[in-house]
Amino acid sequence: MEKCDVSFKIEYQSSETIKDAFVKYKYPPGSSTVETVDIKAALLQDSNSIKLPGIQAVGTYELDVELAINGSVATSSGTLRVGGCNSSCETPKVYGVKVLENGQLVMDYEVENVGNLATLEYQIATDPGFRDEDIIYSKVGFSDVNYTKSENIDMRHGNIPDKTTLYIRIRKYCRPNGISDWSDYVKFDSGIWGLEAYCLSPNDERNLNSLCHGIFPAWLLKVIVKPTPPDVGSLIYLTNGKLAIPDNIREFDQNAPENLKKSGIRWITFLRSNSEFSPNLIYRVQPEIAEIGGVEEEKCYY
């Protein structure tokens, strides 16, 4: 597909010849990566048509233009809105999504050309139409320059629902500029991903720093809560499906603190944050049956 350029106009007055001229902008839009383009030759040739080669990502760009004469630099800022261009970036492919034993999702994909790869982006949705309201997670900022051809889906921040039919697609950002079309989507079914949680035993003091920030003796466990959202009467299970009582914890996680293996869980905070889980709440647990018995008045604040 043909690559297209974005151009803009610079109006300036000077009695001397411009010595240096640059334009800076973030690419992709909103990222922290700054692209710098030398526009001196173009400016001296025709200030009415300054091209930024290869911008193809739809978005709003904040431009910083710098003109220099004999050590003096003038800077002007402006906004450039790009509605879209045909992309010269090769579209990557998604081959499938694997569900590991612990519920971790792994996307298998391929990038045709890593030589011009800037970064990659994937989206996960509950419908193959990928409407805004159906997209449950997107991530930009991973790349396959080592050509691993796989990516662990961000389970902690992705809030991926358990045992749900989902759809995933991927696209590529190219250097120096450009963005591919979205790949064809791939349908997959999620598994059961344990919630990450900080736990304290009855033999430990109820310490907010420990429970809220995972400071020893709090222990990070992956658990499953049924039913959700967690409330009085909810049971806490280990990811092997067994109740999180002392005997099962001791068998499941031999590296856990001795107090936790001997006495079980008294307090727990969940790290997932969505409509069903709040990381601010501290739950009180009956350790011998792994059942939530109440919610403490004290809360975590971040």
C-alpha atoms as a PDB file:
ATOM      1  CA  MET A   1       0.000   0.000   0.000  1.00  0.00           C
ATOM      2  CA  GLU A   2       1.231   3.480  -0.788  1.00  0.00           C
ATOM      3  CA  LYS A   3       2.728   5.468   2.038  1.00  0.00           C
ATOM      4  CA  CYS A   4       1.350   8.951   2.583  1.00  0.00           C
ATOM      5  CA  ASP A   5       2.822  12.042   4.224  1.00  0.00           C
ATOM      6  CA  VAL A   6       1.257  14.653   6.420  1.00  0.00           C
ATOM      7  CA  SER A   7       2.180  18.263   5.721  1.00  0.00           C
ATOM      8  CA  PHE A   8       1.647  21.581   7.456  1.00  0.00           C
ATOM      9  CA  LYS A   9       2.491  25.244   6.956  1.00  0.00           C
ATOM     10  CA  ILE A  10       4.945  27.433   8.879  1.00  0.00           C
ATOM     11  CA  GLU A  11       4.626  31.208   8.814  1.00  0.00           C
ATOM     12  CA  TYR A  12       7.695  33.131   9.963  1.00  0.00           C
ATOM     13  CA  GLN A  13       9.625  36.329   9.264  1.00  0.00           C
ATOM     14  CA  SER A  14      13.395  36.662   9.462  1.00  0.00           C
ATOM     15  CA  SER A  15      15.991  38.980   7.968  1.00  0.00           C
ATOM     16  CA  GLU A  16      18.593  36.211   8.199  1.00  0.00           C
ATOM     17  CA  THR A  17      18.735  32.686   6.870  1.00  0.00           C
ATOM     18  CA  ILE A  18      17.476  29.936   9.156  1.00  0.00           C
ATOM     19  CA  LYS A  19      20.415  27.834  10.371  1.00  0.00           C
ATOM     20  CA  ASP A  20      18.497  24.955  11.972  1.00  0.00           C
ATOM     21  CA  ALA A  21      14.862  23.872  11.978  1.00  0.00           C
ATOM     22  CA  PHE A  22      13.260  20.885  13.689  1.00  0.00           C
ATOM     23  CA  VAL A  23       9.792  19.623  14.517  1.00  0.00           C
ATOM     24  CA  LYS A  24       9.179  17.273  17.442  1.00  0.00           C
ATOM     25  CA  TYR A  25       6.120  15.151  18.209  1.00  0.00           C
ATOM     26  CA  LYS A  26       5.192  12.041  20.153  1.00  0.00           C
ATOM     27  CA  TYR A  27       4.655   8.819  18.258  1.00  0.00           C
ATOM     28  CA  PRO A  28       2.377   6.958  18.670  1.00  0.00           C
ATOM     29  CA  PRO A  29       0.142   9.851  19.789  1.00  0.00           C
ATOM     30  CA  GLY A  30       0.072  10.069  23.577  1.00  0.00           C
ATOM     31  CA  SER A  31       3.160   7.909  24.085  1.00  0.00           C
ATOM     32  CA  SER A  32       6.435   9.024  25.676  1.00  0.00           C
ATOM     33  CA  THR A  33       8.509   8.427  22.515  1.00  0.00           C
ATOM     34  CA  VAL A  34       9.491  11.704  20.838  1.00  0.00           C
ATOM     35  CA  GLU A  35      10.283  11.796  17.128  1.00  0.00           C
ATOM     36  CA  THR A  36      12.483  14.625  15.818  1.00  0.00           C
ATOM     37  CA  VAL A  37      12.455  15.633  12.136  1.00  0.00           C
ATOM     38  CA  ASP A  38      14.981  17.995  10.527  1.00  0.00           C
ATOM     39  CA  ILE A  39      12.894  20.353   8.369  1.00  0.00           C
ATOM     40  CA  LYS A  40      15.521  22.951   7.482  1.00  0.00           C
ATOM     41  CA  ALA A  41      15.791  22.036   3.795  1.00  0.00           C
ATOM     42  CA  ALA A  42      12.025  21.767   3.385  1.00  0.00           C
ATOM     43  CA  LEU A  43      11.459  25.076   5.177  1.00  0.00           C
ATOM     44  CA  LEU A  44      13.906  26.974   2.976  1.00  0.00           C
ATOM     45  CA  GLN A  45      12.418  25.398  -0.134  1.00  0.00           C
ATOM     46  CA  ASP A  46       8.693  25.874   0.646  1.00  0.00           C
ATOM     47  CA  SER A  47       7.420  26.861   4.096  1.00  0.00           C
ATOM     48  CA  ASN A  48       3.841  26.242   2.921  1.00  0.00           C
ATOM     49  CA  SER A  49       4.346  22.465   2.729  1.00  0.00           C
ATOM     50  CA  ILE A  50       6.424  20.946   5.507  1.00  0.00           C
ATOM     51  CA  LYS A  51       6.073  17.178   5.362  1.00  0.00           C
ATOM     52  CA  LEU A  52       6.315  14.741   8.240  1.00  0.00           C
ATOM     53  CA  PRO A  53       7.221  11.536   6.397  1.00  0.00           C
ATOM     54  CA  GLY A  54       5.047   8.568   7.010  1.00  0.00           C
ATOM     55  CA  ILE A  55       2.691   9.664   9.790  1.00  0.00           C
ATOM     56  CA  GLN A  56      -0.180   7.219   9.493  1.00  0.00           C
ATOM     57  CA  ALA A  57      -1.485   6.747  13.007  1.00  0.00           C
ATOM     58  CA  VAL A  58      -4.848   8.362  13.562  1.00  0.00           C
ATOM     59  CA  GLY A  59      -4.713  10.781  16.467  1.00  0.00           C
ATOM     60  CA  THR A  60      -3.907  14.248  17.740  1.00  0.00           C
ATOM     61  CA  TYR A  61      -0.249  15.273  17.646  1.00  0.00           C
ATOM     62  CA  GLU A  62       1.247  18.066  19.728  1.00  0.00           C
ATOM     63  CA  LEU A  63       3.958  19.627  17.551  1.00  0.00           C
ATOM     64  CA  ASP A  64       6.925  21.663  18.795  1.00  0.00           C
ATOM     65  CA  VAL A  65       8.686  23.609  16.041  1.00  0.00           C
ATOM     66  CA  GLU A  66      12.164  25.041  16.691  1.00  0.00           C
ATOM     67  CA  LEU A  67      13.846  27.577  14.409  1.00  0.00           C
ATOM     68  CA  ALA A  68      17.428  28.671  15.125  1.00  0.00           C
ATOM     69  CA  ILE A  69      19.504  31.637  13.885  1.00  0.00           C
ATOM     70  CA  ASN A  70      23.002  32.364  15.199  1.00  0.00           C
ATOM     71  CA  GLY A  71      22.398  30.700  18.544  1.00  0.00           C
ATOM     72  CA  SER A  72      18.924  32.144  19.072  1.00  0.00           C
ATOM     73  CA  VAL A  73      16.082  29.613  19.104  1.00  0.00           C
ATOM     74  CA  ALA A  74      12.403  30.378  18.586  1.00  0.00           C
ATOM     75  CA  THR A  75       9.882  27.697  19.583  1.00  0.00           C
ATOM     76  CA  SER A  76       6.238  27.427  18.646  1.00  0.00           C
ATOM     77  CA  SER A  77       3.721  24.735  19.563  1.00  0.00           C
ATOM     78  CA  GLY A  78       0.657  23.593  17.688  1.00  0.00           C
ATOM     79  CA  THR A  79      -1.770  20.708  17.259  1.00  0.00           C
ATOM     80  CA  LEU A  80      -2.049  18.438  14.239  1.00  0.00           C
ATOM     81  CA  ARG A  81      -5.081  16.179  13.904  1.00  0.00           C
ATOM     82  CA  VAL A  82      -4.668  13.191  11.625  1.00  0.00           C
ATOM     83  CA  GLY A  83      -7.747  11.373  10.433  1.00  0.00           C
ATOM     84  CA  GLY A  84      -5.937   8.438   8.838  1.00  0.00           C
ATOM     85  CA  CYS A  85      -3.686   7.335   6.009  1.00  0.00           C
ATOM     86  CA  ASN A  86      -3.102   4.151   4.105  1.00  0.00           C
ATOM     87  CA  SER A  87      -0.552   2.122   5.985  1.00  0.00           C
ATOM     88  CA  SER A  88       2.726   0.771   4.621  1.00  0.00           C
ATOM     89  CA  CYS A  89       3.243  -1.238   7.825  1.00  0.00           C
ATOM     90  CA  GLU A  90       2.891  -4.970   7.395  1.00  0.00           C
ATOM     91  CA  THR A  91      -0.060  -6.349   9.346  1.00  0.00           C
ATOM     92  CA  PRO A  92       0.976  -8.931  11.975  1.00  0.00           C
ATOM     93  CA  LYS A  93      -0.899 -12.195  12.473  1.00  0.00           C
ATOM     94  CA  VAL A  94      -2.425 -13.833  15.532  1.00  0.00           C
ATOM     95  CA  TYR A  95      -2.341 -17.628  15.393  1.00  0.00           C
ATOM     96  CA  GLY A  96      -4.067 -18.394  18.660  1.00  0.00           C
ATOM     97  CA  VAL A  97      -4.271 -17.952  22.433  1.00  0.00           C
ATOM     98  CA  LYS A  98      -3.128 -20.696  24.803  1.00  0.00           C
ATOM     99  CA  VAL A  99      -4.487 -21.099  28.328  1.00  0.00           C
ATOM    100  CA  LEU A 100      -1.794 -22.340  30.692  1.00  0.00           C
ATOM    101  CA  GLU A 101      -2.517 -24.534  33.709  1.00  0.00           C
ATOM    102  CA  ASN A 102      -2.569 -21.533  36.054  1.00  0.00           C
ATOM    103  CA  GLY A 103      -4.962 -19.602  33.790  1.00  0.00           C
ATOM    104  CA  GLN A 104      -2.308 -17.389  32.193  1.00  0.00           C
ATOM    105  CA  LEU A 105      -3.203 -16.471  28.598  1.00  0.00           C
ATOM    106  CA  VAL A 106      -0.419 -16.528  26.005  1.00  0.00           C
ATOM    107  CA  MET A 107      -0.916 -15.046  22.549  1.00  0.00           C
ATOM    108  CA  ASP A 108       0.957 -16.674  19.656  1.00  0.00           C
ATOM    109  CA  TYR A 109       1.585 -14.261  16.806  1.00  0.00           C
ATOM    110  CA  GLU A 110       3.992 -13.355  14.037  1.00  0.00           C
ATOM    111  CA  VAL A 111       5.502 -10.094  12.781  1.00  0.00           C
ATOM    112  CA  GLU A 112       6.567 -10.227   9.155  1.00  0.00           C
ATOM    113  CA  ASN A 113       9.300  -7.596   9.421  1.00  0.00           C
ATOM    114  CA  VAL A 114      10.911  -6.694  12.762  1.00  0.00           C
ATOM    115  CA  GLY A 115      13.407  -4.346  11.107  1.00  0.00           C
ATOM    116  CA  ASN A 116      10.949  -1.429  11.121  1.00  0.00           C
ATOM    117  CA  LEU A 117       9.082  -2.465  14.273  1.00  0.00           C
ATOM    118  CA  ALA A 118       8.493   0.295  16.833  1.00  0.00           C
ATOM    119  CA  THR A 119       5.987  -1.480  19.059  1.00  0.00           C
ATOM    120  CA  LEU A 120       2.857  -3.621  19.002  1.00  0.00           C
ATOM    121  CA  GLU A 121      -0.674  -3.244  20.333  1.00  0.00           C
ATOM    122  CA  TYR A 122      -3.335  -5.811  21.108  1.00  0.00           C
ATOM    123  CA  GLN A 123      -7.009  -5.508  22.022  1.00  0.00           C
ATOM    124  CA  ILE A 124      -9.308  -8.024  23.708  1.00  0.00           C
ATOM    125  CA  ALA A 125     -13.075  -7.761  23.296  1.00  0.00           C
ATOM    126  CA  THR A 126     -16.235  -9.638  24.152  1.00  0.00           C
ATOM    127  CA  ASP A 127     -17.535  -9.259  20.573  1.00  0.00           C
ATOM    128  CA  PRO A 128     -15.730  -9.685  17.221  1.00  0.00           C
ATOM    129  CA  GLY A 129     -16.940  -6.246  16.129  1.00  0.00           C
ATOM    130  CA  PHE A 130     -14.521  -4.596  18.621  1.00  0.00           C
ATOM    131  CA  ARG A 131     -16.862  -1.728  19.403  1.00  0.00           C
ATOM    132  CA  ASP A 132     -15.581   0.614  22.101  1.00  0.00           C
ATOM    133  CA  GLU A 133     -18.064  -0.716  24.637  1.00  0.00           C
ATOM    134  CA  ASP A 134     -16.987  -4.320  23.932  1.00  0.00           C
ATOM    135  CA  ILE A 135     -13.220  -3.805  24.308  1.00  0.00           C
ATOM    136  CA  ILE A 136     -12.271  -4.926  27.812  1.00  0.00           C
ATOM    137  CA  TYR A 137      -8.514  -4.417  27.554  1.00  0.00           C
ATOM    138  CA  SER A 138      -5.875  -3.042  25.237  1.00  0.00           C
ATOM    139  CA  LYS A 139      -2.133  -2.794  25.593  1.00  0.00           C
ATOM    140  CA  VAL A 140       0.398  -0.848  23.551  1.00  0.00           C
ATOM    141  CA  GLY A 141       4.091  -0.904  24.286  1.00  0.00           C
ATOM    142  CA  PHE A 142       5.415  -4.412  23.812  1.00  0.00           C
ATOM    143  CA  SER A 143       7.574  -5.502  20.903  1.00  0.00           C
ATOM    144  CA  ASP A 144       9.028  -8.653  19.455  1.00  0.00           C
ATOM    145  CA  VAL A 145      12.482  -7.499  18.414  1.00  0.00           C
ATOM    146  CA  ASN A 146      13.841 -10.758  19.860  1.00  0.00           C
ATOM    147  CA  TYR A 147      11.282 -12.598  17.761  1.00  0.00           C
ATOM    148  CA  THR A 148       9.760 -14.642  20.569  1.00  0.00           C
ATOM    149  CA  LYS A 149       6.437 -14.871  18.692  1.00  0.00           C
ATOM    150  CA  SER A 150       4.481 -15.010  21.960  1.00  0.00           C
ATOM    151  CA  GLU A 151       3.210 -12.561  24.551  1.00  0.00           C
ATOM    152  CA  ASN A 152       1.827 -13.182  28.036  1.00  0.00           C
ATOM    153  CA  ILE A 153      -1.451 -11.306  28.328  1.00  0.00           C
ATOM    154  CA  ASP A 154      -1.403  -8.813  31.211  1.00  0.00           C
ATOM    155  CA  MET A 155      -3.678 -10.703  33.596  1.00  0.00           C
ATOM    156  CA  ARG A 156      -3.320  -8.385  36.591  1.00  0.00           C
ATOM    157  CA  HIS A 157      -4.439  -5.219  34.815  1.00  0.00           C
ATOM    158  CA  GLY A 158      -6.463  -6.823  32.052  1.00  0.00           C
ATOM    159  CA  ASN A 159      -9.370  -7.858  34.292  1.00  0.00           C
ATOM    160  CA  ILE A 160      -9.944 -10.836  32.001  1.00  0.00           C
ATOM    161  CA  PRO A 161     -13.205 -12.616  32.956  1.00  0.00           C
ATOM    162  CA  ASP A 162     -12.959 -16.316  33.757  1.00  0.00           C
ATOM    163  CA  LYS A 163     -14.390 -18.984  31.418  1.00  0.00           C
ATOM    164  CA  THR A 164     -15.552 -16.473  28.818  1.00  0.00           C
ATOM    165  CA  THR A 165     -15.468 -16.486  25.025  1.00  0.00           C
ATOM    166  CA  LEU A 166     -13.290 -13.569  23.929  1.00  0.00           C
ATOM    167  CA  TYR A 167     -11.644 -12.140  20.802  1.00  0.00           C
ATOM    168  CA  ILE A 168      -8.144 -10.750  20.286  1.00  0.00           C
ATOM    169  CA  ARG A 169      -6.441  -8.774  17.514  1.00  0.00           C
ATOM    170  CA  ILE A 170      -3.061  -7.087  17.042  1.00  0.00           C
ATOM    171  CA  ARG A 171      -1.477  -4.282  15.051  1.00  0.00           C
ATOM    172  CA  LYS A 172       2.004  -2.924  14.471  1.00  0.00           C
ATOM    173  CA  TYR A 173       3.586   0.527  14.800  1.00  0.00           C
ATOM    174  CA  CYS A 174       6.471   1.055  12.384  1.00  0.00           C
ATOM    175  CA  ARG A 175       9.576   3.206  12.347  1.00  0.00           C
ATOM    176  CA  PRO A 176      10.101   5.964  11.425  1.00  0.00           C
ATOM    177  CA  ASN A 177       6.318   6.314  11.286  1.00  0.00           C
ATOM    178  CA  GLY A 178       3.338   4.242  10.315  1.00  0.00           C
ATOM    179  CA  ILE A 179       0.701   1.928  11.656  1.00  0.00           C
ATOM    180  CA  SER A 180      -0.655  -1.300  10.228  1.00  0.00           C
ATOM    181  CA  ASP A 181      -4.217  -2.420   9.814  1.00  0.00           C
ATOM    182  CA  TRP A 182      -5.645  -4.573  12.586  1.00  0.00           C
ATOM    183  CA  SER A 183      -5.049  -8.272  12.147  1.00  0.00           C
ATOM    184  CA  ASP A 184      -7.900 -10.710  11.726  1.00  0.00           C
ATOM    185  CA  TYR A 185      -9.345 -11.516  15.128  1.00  0.00           C
ATOM    186  CA  VAL A 186      -8.917 -14.861  16.855  1.00  0.00           C
ATOM    187  CA  LYS A 187     -11.598 -16.357  19.081  1.00  0.00           C
ATOM    188  CA  PHE A 188     -10.598 -18.066  22.337  1.00  0.00           C
ATOM    189  CA  ASP A 189     -11.996 -19.151  25.700  1.00  0.00           C
ATOM    190  CA  SER A 190     -10.364 -17.908  28.892  1.00  0.00           C
ATOM    191  CA  GLY A 191      -9.622 -20.228  31.808  1.00  0.00           C
ATOM    192  CA  ILE A 192      -9.567 -19.514  35.530  1.00  0.00           C
ATOM    193  CA  TRP A 193      -6.971 -16.981  36.609  1.00  0.00           C
ATOM    194  CA  GLY A 194      -6.292 -16.737  40.300  1.00  0.00           C
ATOM    195  CA  LEU A 195      -6.628 -13.386  41.995  1.00  0.00           C
ATOM    196  CA  GLU A 196      -3.422 -12.033  43.457  1.00  0.00           C
ATOM    197  CA  ALA A 197      -3.920 -11.293  47.139  1.00  0.00           C
ATOM    198  CA  TYR A 198      -1.894 -10.326  50.205  1.00  0.00           C
ATOM    199  CA  CYS A 199      -2.557 -12.589  53.202  1.00  0.00           C
ATOM    200  CA  LEU A 200      -1.774 -12.537  56.926  1.00  0.00           C
ATOM    201  CA  SER A 201      -2.223 -15.343  59.426  1.00  0.00           C
ATOM    202  CA  PRO A 202      -3.961 -15.122  62.865  1.00  0.00           C
ATOM    203  CA  ASN A 203      -0.502 -15.221  64.471  1.00  0.00           C
ATOM    204  CA  ASP A 204       0.519 -11.984  62.717  1.00  0.00           C
ATOM    205  CA  GLU A 205      -0.477  -8.463  63.676  1.00  0.00           C
ATOM    206  CA  ARG A 206      -2.996  -6.778  61.396  1.00  0.00           C
ATOM    207  CA  ASN A 207      -0.489  -4.371  59.864  1.00  0.00           C
ATOM    208  CA  LEU A 208      -1.708  -2.019  57.131  1.00  0.00           C
ATOM    209  CA  ASN A 209       1.708  -1.754  55.486  1.00  0.00           C
ATOM    210  CA  SER A 210       1.866  -5.513  55.195  1.00  0.00           C
ATOM    211  CA  LEU A 211      -1.683  -6.010  53.950  1.00  0.00           C
ATOM    212  CA  CYS A 212      -1.768  -3.038  51.618  1.00  0.00           C
ATOM    213  CA  HIS A 213       1.754  -3.186  50.187  1.00  0.00           C
ATOM    214  CA  GLY A 214       2.774  -6.809  50.576  1.00  0.00           C
ATOM    215  CA  ILE A 215       5.480  -6.162  53.158  1.00  0.00           C
ATOM    216  CA  PHE A 216       6.610  -9.208  55.160  1.00  0.00           C
ATOM    217  CA  PRO A 217       5.071 -11.122  56.868  1.00  0.00           C
ATOM    218  CA  ALA A 218       2.217 -10.680  54.345  1.00  0.00           C
ATOM    219  CA  TRP A 219       2.362 -13.316  51.615  1.00  0.00           C
ATOM    220  CA  LEU A 220       1.307 -13.027  47.985  1.00  0.00           C
ATOM    221  CA  LEU A 221      -1.059 -15.836  47.012  1.00  0.00           C
ATOM    222  CA  LYS A 222      -3.149 -16.499  43.939  1.00  0.00           C
ATOM    223  CA  VAL A 223      -6.640 -17.458  45.013  1.00  0.00           C
ATOM    224  CA  ILE A 224     -10.142 -17.940  43.630  1.00  0.00           C
ATOM    225  CA  VAL A 225     -13.145 -16.392  45.383  1.00  0.00           C
ATOM    226  CA  LYS A 226     -16.597 -17.966  45.160  1.00  0.00           C
ATOM    227  CA  PRO A 227     -19.052 -16.423  44.911  1.00  0.00           C
ATOM    228  CA  THR A 228     -17.989 -12.993  43.696  1.00  0.00           C
ATOM    229  CA  PRO A 229     -17.977 -10.162  44.484  1.00  0.00           C
ATOM    230  CA  PRO A 230     -16.285 -11.128  47.776  1.00  0.00           C
ATOM    231  CA  ASP A 231     -18.551 -10.712  50.775  1.00  0.00           C
ATOM    232  CA  VAL A 232     -19.448 -12.363  54.042  1.00  0.00           C
ATOM    233  CA  GLY A 233     -19.845 -16.062  53.270  1.00  0.00           C
ATOM    234  CA  SER A 234     -17.561 -16.120  50.223  1.00  0.00           C
ATOM    235  CA  LEU A 235     -15.056 -18.964  50.227  1.00  0.00           C
ATOM    236  CA  ILE A 236     -11.385 -18.617  49.295  1.00  0.00           C
ATOM    237  CA  TYR A 237      -9.821 -21.361  47.186  1.00  0.00           C
ATOM    238  CA  LEU A 238      -6.292 -21.986  46.004  1.00  0.00           C
ATOM    239  CA  THR A 239      -5.798 -22.158  42.242  1.00  0.00           C
ATOM    240  CA  ASN A 240      -5.674 -25.969  42.453  1.00  0.00           C
ATOM    241  CA  GLY A 241      -9.346 -25.843  43.459  1.00  0.00           C
ATOM    242  CA  LYS A 242      -8.834 -26.681  47.151  1.00  0.00           C
ATOM    243  CA  LEU A 243      -9.985 -24.482  50.035  1.00  0.00           C
ATOM    244  CA  ALA A 244      -7.279 -22.157  51.355  1.00  0.00           C
ATOM    245  CA  ILE A 245      -7.124 -23.814  54.777  1.00  0.00           C
ATOM    246  CA  PRO A 246      -3.807 -24.477  56.583  1.00  0.00           C
ATOM    247  CA  ASP A 247      -3.288 -28.089  55.428  1.00  0.00           C
ATOM    248  CA  ASN A 248      -3.934 -27.182  51.792  1.00  0.00           C
ATOM    249  CA  ILE A 249      -1.765 -24.059  51.912  1.00  0.00           C
ATOM    250  CA  ARG A 250       1.092 -26.104  53.369  1.00  0.00           C
ATOM    251  CA  GLU A 251       0.776 -28.654  50.568  1.00  0.00           C
ATOM    252  CA  PHE A 252       0.251 -26.065  47.802  1.00  0.00           C
ATOM    253  CA  ASP A 253       2.931 -23.469  48.652  1.00  0.00           C
ATOM    254  CA  GLN A 254       5.856 -24.837  50.626  1.00  0.00           C
ATOM    255  CA  ASN A 255       7.591 -21.454  50.465  1.00  0.00           C
ATOM    256  CA  ALA A 256       4.786 -19.669  52.324  1.00  0.00           C
ATOM    257  CA  PRO A 257       5.579 -18.267  55.816  1.00  0.00           C
ATOM    258  CA  GLU A 258       5.299 -20.817  58.626  1.00  0.00           C
ATOM    259  CA  ASN A 259       2.496 -18.879  60.328  1.00  0.00           C
ATOM    260  CA  LEU A 260       0.389 -19.071  57.174  1.00  0.00           C
ATOM    261  CA  LYS A 261       1.038 -22.786  56.712  1.00  0.00           C
ATOM    262  CA  LYS A 262       0.247 -23.541  60.363  1.00  0.00           C
ATOM    263  CA  SER A 263      -2.710 -21.227  60.982  1.00  0.00           C
ATOM    264  CA  GLY A 264      -4.158 -20.241  57.609  1.00  0.00           C
ATOM    265  CA  ILE A 265      -5.484 -16.868  56.451  1.00  0.00           C
ATOM    266  CA  ARG A 266      -6.962 -14.335  58.877  1.00  0.00           C
ATOM    267  CA  TRP A 267      -6.820 -11.186  56.729  1.00  0.00           C
ATOM    268  CA  ILE A 268      -6.737 -10.775  52.960  1.00  0.00           C
ATOM    269  CA  THR A 269      -6.680  -7.926  50.421  1.00  0.00           C
ATOM    270  CA  PHE A 270      -7.231  -8.445  46.703  1.00  0.00           C
ATOM    271  CA  LEU A 271      -4.990  -6.717  44.174  1.00  0.00           C
ATOM    272  CA  ARG A 272      -7.497  -6.780  41.308  1.00  0.00           C
ATOM    273  CA  SER A 273      -9.440  -3.548  40.835  1.00  0.00           C
ATOM    274  CA  ASN A 274     -12.728  -3.630  38.915  1.00  0.00           C
ATOM    275  CA  SER A 275     -16.456  -3.486  39.522  1.00  0.00           C
ATOM    276  CA  GLU A 276     -16.319  -6.630  41.686  1.00  0.00           C
ATOM    277  CA  PHE A 277     -13.058  -6.143  43.580  1.00  0.00           C
ATOM    278  CA  SER A 278     -11.657  -3.228  45.554  1.00  0.00           C
ATOM    279  CA  PRO A 279      -7.985  -3.259  46.625  1.00  0.00           C
ATOM    280  CA  ASN A 280      -8.903  -0.833  49.406  1.00  0.00           C
ATOM    281  CA  LEU A 281     -10.905  -3.359  51.415  1.00  0.00           C
ATOM    282  CA  ILE A 282      -9.435  -5.639  54.082  1.00  0.00           C
ATOM    283  CA  TYR A 283     -11.425  -8.845  54.570  1.00  0.00           C
ATOM    284  CA  ARG A 284     -11.470 -10.876  57.774  1.00  0.00           C
ATOM    285  CA  VAL A 285     -11.344 -14.618  57.168  1.00  0.00           C
ATOM    286  CA  GLN A 286     -12.175 -17.662  59.289  1.00  0.00           C
ATOM    287  CA  PRO A 287      -8.911 -19.547  58.695  1.00  0.00           C
ATOM    288  CA  GLU A 288     -10.135 -23.040  59.551  1.00  0.00           C
ATOM    289  CA  ILE A 289     -12.801 -22.967  56.804  1.00  0.00           C
ATOM    290  CA  ALA A 290     -11.377 -20.211  54.506  1.00  0.00           C
ATOM    291  CA  GLU A 291     -14.623 -18.249  54.639  1.00  0.00           C
ATOM    292  CA  ILE A 292     -14.891 -14.455  54.670  1.00  0.00           C
ATOM    293  CA  GLY A 293     -16.481 -13.425  57.943  1.00  0.00           C
ATOM    294  CA  GLY A 294     -16.436  -9.648  57.625  1.00  0.00           C
ATOM    295  CA  VAL A 295     -14.810  -6.473  56.328  1.00  0.00           C
ATOM    296  CA  GLU A 296     -12.509  -4.397  58.553  1.00  0.00           C
ATOM    297  CA  GLU A 297     -13.240  -0.713  59.101  1.00  0.00           C
ATOM    298  CA  GLU A 298      -9.635   0.154  58.291  1.00  0.00           C
ATOM    299  CA  LYS A 299      -8.874   0.441  54.575  1.00  0.00           C
ATOM    300  CA  CYS A 300      -5.858   0.561  52.316  1.00  0.00           C
ATOM    301  CA  TYR A 301      -5.037   3.908  50.729  1.00  0.00           C
ATOM    302  CA  TYR A 302      -2.658   4.260  47.793  1.00  0.00           C
END
